[in-house]
């Protein structure tokens, strides 16, 4: 199903590990899939490559990126 280093799209609101509000449509990269495959750690980056959030995401909260997906930008508050 999902593989590490694959990009995913959120399908539900998710809180990052530090409380960041992630929204459906946000794109992240799978950096770790738990051995039981019941959750994965996903890194979300800004367009300049800065880490915005790390989040534990359930399979039902994400889907693979497809060729029909379009990049879209939204502004988030970054921790200093």
PDB file of N, CA and C in Angstrom:
ATOM      1  N   UNK A   1       0.838  -1.192   0.000  1.00  0.00           N
ATOM      2  CA  UNK A   1       0.000   0.000   0.000  1.00  0.00           C
ATOM      3  C   UNK A   1       0.879   1.250   0.000  1.00  0.00           C
ATOM      4  N   UNK A   2       1.310   1.720   1.159  1.00  0.00           N
ATOM      5  CA  UNK A   2       2.190   2.881   1.235  1.00  0.00           C
ATOM      6  C   UNK A   2       3.630   2.409   1.435  1.00  0.00           C
ATOM      7  N   UNK A   3       4.586   3.207   0.934  1.00  0.00           N
ATOM      8  CA  UNK A   3       6.000   2.893   1.107  1.00  0.00           C
ATOM      9  C   UNK A   3       6.716   4.109   1.697  1.00  0.00           C
ATOM     10  N   UNK A   4       7.766   3.849   2.484  1.00  0.00           N
ATOM     11  CA  UNK A   4       8.568   4.959   3.016  1.00  0.00           C
ATOM     12  C   UNK A   4       9.136   5.776   1.864  1.00  0.00           C
ATOM     13  N   UNK A   5       9.221   7.083   2.084  1.00  0.00           N
ATOM     14  CA  UNK A   5       9.731   8.089   1.146  1.00  0.00           C
ATOM     15  C   UNK A   5       8.734   8.438   0.042  1.00  0.00           C
ATOM     16  N   UNK A   6       7.545   7.846   0.101  1.00  0.00           N
ATOM     17  CA  UNK A   6       6.488   8.159  -0.846  1.00  0.00           C
ATOM     18  C   UNK A   6       5.752   9.408  -0.366  1.00  0.00           C
ATOM     19  N   UNK A   7       5.283  10.224  -1.306  1.00  0.00           N
ATOM     20  CA  UNK A   7       4.475  11.377  -0.930  1.00  0.00           C
ATOM     21  C   UNK A   7       3.023  10.940  -0.770  1.00  0.00           C
ATOM     22  N   UNK A   8       2.351  11.594   0.193  1.00  0.00           N
ATOM     23  CA  UNK A   8       0.934  11.326   0.447  1.00  0.00           C
ATOM     24  C   UNK A   8       0.186  12.655   0.511  1.00  0.00           C
ATOM     25  N   UNK A   9      -1.128  12.575   0.418  1.00  0.00           N
ATOM     26  CA  UNK A   9      -2.012  13.729   0.574  1.00  0.00           C
ATOM     27  C   UNK A   9      -2.935  13.432   1.749  1.00  0.00           C
ATOM     28  N   UNK A  10      -3.048  14.387   2.665  1.00  0.00           N
ATOM     29  CA  UNK A  10      -3.984  14.204   3.781  1.00  0.00           C
ATOM     30  C   UNK A  10      -5.419  14.246   3.270  1.00  0.00           C
ATOM     31  N   UNK A  11      -6.261  13.393   3.834  1.00  0.00           N
ATOM     32  CA  UNK A  11      -7.692  13.385   3.507  1.00  0.00           C
ATOM     33  C   UNK A  11      -8.538  13.849   4.684  1.00  0.00           C
ATOM     34  N   UNK A  12      -7.875  14.168   5.799  1.00  0.00           N
ATOM     35  CA  UNK A  12      -8.565  14.609   7.018  1.00  0.00           C
ATOM     36  C   UNK A  12      -7.654  15.580   7.760  1.00  0.00           C
ATOM     37  N   UNK A  13      -8.239  16.357   8.664  1.00  0.00           N
ATOM     38  CA  UNK A  13      -7.424  17.223   9.517  1.00  0.00           C
ATOM     39  C   UNK A  13      -6.616  16.360  10.469  1.00  0.00           C
ATOM     40  N   UNK A  14      -5.361  16.741  10.676  1.00  0.00           N
ATOM     41  CA  UNK A  14      -4.444  16.005  11.549  1.00  0.00           C
ATOM     42  C   UNK A  14      -3.657  17.028  12.347  1.00  0.00           C
ATOM     43  N   UNK A  15      -3.382  16.721  13.605  1.00  0.00           N
ATOM     44  CA  UNK A  15      -2.496  17.567  14.405  1.00  0.00           C
ATOM     45  C   UNK A  15      -1.089  17.023  14.321  1.00  0.00           C
ATOM     46  N   UNK A  16      -0.128  17.925  14.078  1.00  0.00           N
ATOM     47  CA  UNK A  16       1.268  17.529  14.095  1.00  0.00           C
ATOM     48  C   UNK A  16       1.700  17.205  15.515  1.00  0.00           C
ATOM     49  N   UNK A  17       2.873  16.622  15.645  1.00  0.00           N
ATOM     50  CA  UNK A  17       3.387  16.219  16.956  1.00  0.00           C
ATOM     51  C   UNK A  17       3.547  17.400  17.912  1.00  0.00           C
ATOM     52  N   UNK A  18       3.713  18.598  17.373  1.00  0.00           N
ATOM     53  CA  UNK A  18       3.849  19.802  18.201  1.00  0.00           C
ATOM     54  C   UNK A  18       2.573  20.640  18.180  1.00  0.00           C
ATOM     55  N   UNK A  19       1.456  20.056  17.720  1.00  0.00           N
ATOM     56  CA  UNK A  19       0.167  20.748  17.709  1.00  0.00           C
ATOM     57  C   UNK A  19      -0.132  21.531  16.445  1.00  0.00           C
ATOM     58  N   UNK A  20       0.684  21.384  15.404  1.00  0.00           N
ATOM     59  CA  UNK A  20       0.449  22.102  14.148  1.00  0.00           C
ATOM     60  C   UNK A  20      -0.837  21.595  13.507  1.00  0.00           C
ATOM     61  N   UNK A  21      -1.631  22.514  12.969  1.00  0.00           N
ATOM     62  CA  UNK A  21      -2.895  22.153  12.321  1.00  0.00           C
ATOM     63  C   UNK A  21      -2.635  21.842  10.853  1.00  0.00           C
ATOM     64  N   UNK A  22      -2.752  20.575  10.499  1.00  0.00           N
ATOM     65  CA  UNK A  22      -2.578  20.145   9.118  1.00  0.00           C
ATOM     66  C   UNK A  22      -3.950  19.899   8.525  1.00  0.00           C
ATOM     67  N   UNK A  23      -4.109  20.214   7.259  1.00  0.00           N
ATOM     68  CA  UNK A  23      -5.432  20.205   6.630  1.00  0.00           C
ATOM     69  C   UNK A  23      -5.504  19.218   5.468  1.00  0.00           C
ATOM     70  N   UNK A  24      -6.723  18.762   5.149  1.00  0.00           N
ATOM     71  CA  UNK A  24      -6.875  17.918   3.971  1.00  0.00           C
ATOM     72  C   UNK A  24      -6.270  18.611   2.753  1.00  0.00           C
ATOM     73  N   UNK A  25      -5.554  17.864   1.958  1.00  0.00           N
ATOM     74  CA  UNK A  25      -4.877  18.429   0.786  1.00  0.00           C
ATOM     75  C   UNK A  25      -3.412  18.722   1.027  1.00  0.00           C
ATOM     76  N   UNK A  26      -2.990  18.828   2.302  1.00  0.00           N
ATOM     77  CA  UNK A  26      -1.567  19.037   2.582  1.00  0.00           C
ATOM     78  C   UNK A  26      -0.794  17.797   2.137  1.00  0.00           C
ATOM     79  N   UNK A  27       0.369  18.027   1.555  1.00  0.00           N
ATOM     80  CA  UNK A  27       1.199  16.941   1.025  1.00  0.00           C
ATOM     81  C   UNK A  27       2.391  16.735   1.943  1.00  0.00           C
ATOM     82  N   UNK A  28       2.682  15.483   2.258  1.00  0.00           N
ATOM     83  CA  UNK A  28       3.823  15.155   3.103  1.00  0.00           C
ATOM     84  C   UNK A  28       4.543  13.936   2.555  1.00  0.00           C
ATOM     85  N   UNK A  29       5.673  13.618   3.190  1.00  0.00           N
ATOM     86  CA  UNK A  29       6.485  12.464   2.792  1.00  0.00           C
ATOM     87  C   UNK A  29       6.524  11.473   3.940  1.00  0.00           C
ATOM     88  N   UNK A  30       6.232  10.213   3.642  1.00  0.00           N
ATOM     89  CA  UNK A  30       6.298   9.155   4.653  1.00  0.00           C
ATOM     90  C   UNK A  30       7.755   8.925   5.038  1.00  0.00           C
ATOM     91  N   UNK A  31       8.064   9.117   6.308  1.00  0.00           N
ATOM     92  CA  UNK A  31       9.447   8.886   6.735  1.00  0.00           C
ATOM     93  C   UNK A  31       9.580   7.636   7.590  1.00  0.00           C
ATOM     94  N   UNK A  32       8.463   7.107   8.073  1.00  0.00           N
ATOM     95  CA  UNK A  32       8.502   5.851   8.828  1.00  0.00           C
ATOM     96  C   UNK A  32       7.110   5.238   8.835  1.00  0.00           C
ATOM     97  N   UNK A  33       7.044   3.949   8.537  1.00  0.00           N
ATOM     98  CA  UNK A  33       5.785   3.212   8.653  1.00  0.00           C
ATOM     99  C   UNK A  33       5.933   2.261   9.827  1.00  0.00           C
ATOM    100  N   UNK A  34       5.028   2.361  10.785  1.00  0.00           N
ATOM    101  CA  UNK A  34       5.089   1.492  11.960  1.00  0.00           C
ATOM    102  C   UNK A  34       4.992   0.030  11.515  1.00  0.00           C
ATOM    103  N   UNK A  35       5.697  -0.872  12.212  1.00  0.00           N
ATOM    104  CA  UNK A  35       5.716  -2.287  11.808  1.00  0.00           C
ATOM    105  C   UNK A  35       4.327  -2.911  11.645  1.00  0.00           C
ATOM    106  N   UNK A  36       3.365  -2.477  12.439  1.00  0.00           N
ATOM    107  CA  UNK A  36       2.010  -3.032  12.326  1.00  0.00           C
ATOM    108  C   UNK A  36       1.214  -2.391  11.189  1.00  0.00           C
ATOM    109  N   UNK A  37       1.806  -1.396  10.529  1.00  0.00           N
ATOM    110  CA  UNK A  37       1.201  -0.659   9.409  1.00  0.00           C
ATOM    111  C   UNK A  37      -0.090   0.060   9.795  1.00  0.00           C
ATOM    112  N   UNK A  38      -0.303   0.261  11.098  1.00  0.00           N
ATOM    113  CA  UNK A  38      -1.510   0.952  11.551  1.00  0.00           C
ATOM    114  C   UNK A  38      -1.345   2.461  11.567  1.00  0.00           C
ATOM    115  N   UNK A  39      -0.112   2.960  11.388  1.00  0.00           N
ATOM    116  CA  UNK A  39       0.142   4.393  11.363  1.00  0.00           C
ATOM    117  C   UNK A  39       1.498   4.629  10.706  1.00  0.00           C
ATOM    118  N   UNK A  40       1.718   5.875  10.319  1.00  0.00           N
ATOM    119  CA  UNK A  40       2.993   6.257   9.715  1.00  0.00           C
ATOM    120  C   UNK A  40       3.381   7.641  10.215  1.00  0.00           C
ATOM    121  N   UNK A  41       4.676   7.904  10.241  1.00  0.00           N
ATOM    122  CA  UNK A  41       5.179   9.235  10.553  1.00  0.00           C
ATOM    123  C   UNK A  41       5.388   9.949   9.221  1.00  0.00           C
ATOM    124  N   UNK A  42       4.811  11.134   9.106  1.00  0.00           N
ATOM    125  CA  UNK A  42       4.864  11.899   7.862  1.00  0.00           C
ATOM    126  C   UNK A  42       5.508  13.252   8.152  1.00  0.00           C
ATOM    127  N   UNK A  43       6.424  13.678   7.271  1.00  0.00           N
ATOM    128  CA  UNK A  43       7.056  14.989   7.381  1.00  0.00           C
ATOM    129  C   UNK A  43       6.393  15.918   6.372  1.00  0.00           C
ATOM    130  N   UNK A  44       6.033  17.095   6.837  1.00  0.00           N
ATOM    131  CA  UNK A  44       5.426  18.121   5.989  1.00  0.00           C
ATOM    132  C   UNK A  44       6.419  19.266   5.856  1.00  0.00           C
ATOM    133  N   UNK A  45       6.722  19.642   4.615  1.00  0.00           N
ATOM    134  CA  UNK A  45       7.721  20.671   4.333  1.00  0.00           C
ATOM    135  C   UNK A  45       7.074  21.891   3.701  1.00  0.00           C
ATOM    136  N   UNK A  46       7.699  23.053   3.954  1.00  0.00           N
ATOM    137  CA  UNK A  46       7.313  24.254   3.214  1.00  0.00           C
ATOM    138  C   UNK A  46       7.923  24.143   1.813  1.00  0.00           C
ATOM    139  N   UNK A  47       7.523  25.018   0.902  1.00  0.00           N
ATOM    140  CA  UNK A  47       8.042  24.942  -0.460  1.00  0.00           C
ATOM    141  C   UNK A  47       9.527  25.265  -0.548  1.00  0.00           C
ATOM    142  N   UNK A  48      10.105  25.892   0.503  1.00  0.00           N
ATOM    143  CA  UNK A  48      11.558  26.139   0.486  1.00  0.00           C
ATOM    144  C   UNK A  48      12.339  25.016   1.160  1.00  0.00           C
ATOM    145  N   UNK A  49      11.651  23.948   1.574  1.00  0.00           N
ATOM    146  CA  UNK A  49      12.312  22.782   2.140  1.00  0.00           C
ATOM    147  C   UNK A  49      12.423  22.749   3.650  1.00  0.00           C
ATOM    148  N   UNK A  50      11.866  23.726   4.347  1.00  0.00           N
ATOM    149  CA  UNK A  50      11.894  23.738   5.812  1.00  0.00           C
ATOM    150  C   UNK A  50      10.815  22.801   6.360  1.00  0.00           C
ATOM    151  N   UNK A  51      11.138  22.068   7.411  1.00  0.00           N
ATOM    152  CA  UNK A  51      10.148  21.192   8.037  1.00  0.00           C
ATOM    153  C   UNK A  51       9.100  22.040   8.741  1.00  0.00           C
ATOM    154  N   UNK A  52       7.850  21.828   8.413  1.00  0.00           N
ATOM    155  CA  UNK A  52       6.727  22.515   9.055  1.00  0.00           C
ATOM    156  C   UNK A  52       6.190  21.668  10.195  1.00  0.00           C
ATOM    157  N   UNK A  53       6.112  20.345   9.976  1.00  0.00           N
ATOM    158  CA  UNK A  53       5.545  19.471  11.000  1.00  0.00           C
ATOM    159  C   UNK A  53       5.929  18.022  10.735  1.00  0.00           C
ATOM    160  N   UNK A  54       5.972  17.278  11.821  1.00  0.00           N
ATOM    161  CA  UNK A  54       6.003  15.820  11.791  1.00  0.00           C
ATOM    162  C   UNK A  54       4.690  15.379  12.407  1.00  0.00           C
ATOM    163  N   UNK A  55       4.063  14.371  11.836  1.00  0.00           N
ATOM    164  CA  UNK A  55       2.776  13.925  12.362  1.00  0.00           C
ATOM    165  C   UNK A  55       2.639  12.421  12.202  1.00  0.00           C
ATOM    166  N   UNK A  56       1.975  11.806  13.164  1.00  0.00           N
ATOM    167  CA  UNK A  56       1.608  10.403  13.052  1.00  0.00           C
ATOM    168  C   UNK A  56       0.239  10.365  12.379  1.00  0.00           C
ATOM    169  N   UNK A  57       0.168   9.672  11.252  1.00  0.00           N
ATOM    170  CA  UNK A  57      -1.031   9.684  10.412  1.00  0.00           C
ATOM    171  C   UNK A  57      -1.531   8.255  10.216  1.00  0.00           C
ATOM    172  N   UNK A  58      -2.824   8.073  10.337  1.00  0.00           N
ATOM    173  CA  UNK A  58      -3.460   6.768  10.113  1.00  0.00           C
ATOM    174  C   UNK A  58      -3.688   6.569   8.615  1.00  0.00           C
ATOM    175  N   UNK A  59      -3.695   5.335   8.138  1.00  0.00           N
ATOM    176  CA  UNK A  59      -3.932   5.095   6.713  1.00  0.00           C
ATOM    177  C   UNK A  59      -5.239   5.722   6.211  1.00  0.00           C
ATOM    178  N   UNK A  60      -6.273   5.748   7.029  1.00  0.00           N
ATOM    179  CA  UNK A  60      -7.556   6.332   6.616  1.00  0.00           C
ATOM    180  C   UNK A  60      -7.492   7.851   6.479  1.00  0.00           C
ATOM    181  N   UNK A  61      -6.417   8.475   6.961  1.00  0.00           N
ATOM    182  CA  UNK A  61      -6.276   9.928   6.913  1.00  0.00           C
ATOM    183  C   UNK A  61      -5.392  10.395   5.760  1.00  0.00           C
ATOM    184  N   UNK A  62      -4.969   9.462   4.895  1.00  0.00           N
ATOM    185  CA  UNK A  62      -4.079   9.838   3.800  1.00  0.00           C
ATOM    186  C   UNK A  62      -4.366   8.987   2.572  1.00  0.00           C
ATOM    187  N   UNK A  63      -3.879   9.486   1.446  1.00  0.00           N
ATOM    188  CA  UNK A  63      -3.967   8.748   0.188  1.00  0.00           C
ATOM    189  C   UNK A  63      -2.693   9.016  -0.606  1.00  0.00           C
ATOM    190  N   UNK A  64      -2.393   8.157  -1.564  1.00  0.00           N
ATOM    191  CA  UNK A  64      -1.212   8.408  -2.393  1.00  0.00           C
ATOM    192  C   UNK A  64      -1.412   9.640  -3.278  1.00  0.00           C
ATOM    193  N   UNK A  65      -0.323  10.265  -3.670  1.00  0.00           N
ATOM    194  CA  UNK A  65      -0.346  11.348  -4.655  1.00  0.00           C
ATOM    195  C   UNK A  65      -0.655  10.726  -6.011  1.00  0.00           C
ATOM    196  N   UNK A  66      -1.445  11.435  -6.819  1.00  0.00           N
ATOM    197  CA  UNK A  66      -1.752  10.959  -8.176  1.00  0.00           C
ATOM    198  C   UNK A  66      -1.329  12.001  -9.205  1.00  0.00           C
ATOM    199  N   UNK A  67      -1.343  11.601 -10.464  1.00  0.00           N
ATOM    200  CA  UNK A  67      -1.009  12.519 -11.548  1.00  0.00           C
ATOM    201  C   UNK A  67      -2.033  13.622 -11.730  1.00  0.00           C
ATOM    202  N   UNK A  68      -3.204  13.488 -11.125  1.00  0.00           N
ATOM    203  CA  UNK A  68      -4.252  14.503 -11.234  1.00  0.00           C
ATOM    204  C   UNK A  68      -4.153  15.554 -10.129  1.00  0.00           C
ATOM    205  N   UNK A  69      -3.190  15.402  -9.179  1.00  0.00           N
ATOM    206  CA  UNK A  69      -3.054  16.354  -8.073  1.00  0.00           C
ATOM    207  C   UNK A  69      -2.304  17.604  -8.524  1.00  0.00           C
ATOM    208  N   UNK A  70      -2.708  18.740  -7.978  1.00  0.00           N
ATOM    209  CA  UNK A  70      -2.123  20.033  -8.297  1.00  0.00           C
ATOM    210  C   UNK A  70      -1.486  20.610  -7.047  1.00  0.00           C
ATOM    211  N   UNK A  71      -0.281  21.166  -7.170  1.00  0.00           N
ATOM    212  CA  UNK A  71       0.349  21.830  -6.033  1.00  0.00           C
ATOM    213  C   UNK A  71      -0.406  23.111  -5.720  1.00  0.00           C
ATOM    214  N   UNK A  72      -0.634  23.344  -4.430  1.00  0.00           N
ATOM    215  CA  UNK A  72      -1.347  24.536  -3.964  1.00  0.00           C
ATOM    216  C   UNK A  72      -0.622  25.029  -2.722  1.00  0.00           C
ATOM    217  N   UNK A  73      -0.535  26.326  -2.539  1.00  0.00           N
ATOM    218  CA  UNK A  73       0.174  26.872  -1.374  1.00  0.00           C
ATOM    219  C   UNK A  73      -0.806  27.510  -0.401  1.00  0.00           C
ATOM    220  N   UNK A  74      -0.520  27.328   0.894  1.00  0.00           N
ATOM    221  CA  UNK A  74      -1.215  28.058   1.956  1.00  0.00           C
ATOM    222  C   UNK A  74      -0.152  28.470   2.964  1.00  0.00           C
ATOM    223  N   UNK A  75      -0.362  29.567   3.636  1.00  0.00           N
ATOM    224  CA  UNK A  75       0.600  30.083   4.583  1.00  0.00           C
ATOM    225  C   UNK A  75       0.330  29.512   5.967  1.00  0.00           C
ATOM    226  N   UNK A  76       1.386  29.083   6.643  1.00  0.00           N
ATOM    227  CA  UNK A  76       1.284  28.572   8.009  1.00  0.00           C
ATOM    228  C   UNK A  76       2.234  29.354   8.897  1.00  0.00           C
ATOM    229  N   UNK A  77       1.933  29.379  10.183  1.00  0.00           N
ATOM    230  CA  UNK A  77       2.817  30.024  11.147  1.00  0.00           C
ATOM    231  C   UNK A  77       3.919  29.038  11.512  1.00  0.00           C
ATOM    232  N   UNK A  78       5.159  29.446  11.327  1.00  0.00           N
ATOM    233  CA  UNK A  78       6.299  28.579  11.610  1.00  0.00           C
ATOM    234  C   UNK A  78       6.856  28.926  12.978  1.00  0.00           C
ATOM    235  N   UNK A  79       7.246  27.892  13.729  1.00  0.00           N
ATOM    236  CA  UNK A  79       7.915  28.111  15.008  1.00  0.00           C
ATOM    237  C   UNK A  79       9.294  28.683  14.767  1.00  0.00           C
ATOM    238  N   UNK A  80       9.751  29.546  15.652  1.00  0.00           N
ATOM    239  CA  UNK A  80      11.070  30.171  15.480  1.00  0.00           C
ATOM    240  C   UNK A  80      12.116  29.382  16.215  1.00  0.00           C
TER     241      UNK A  80
END
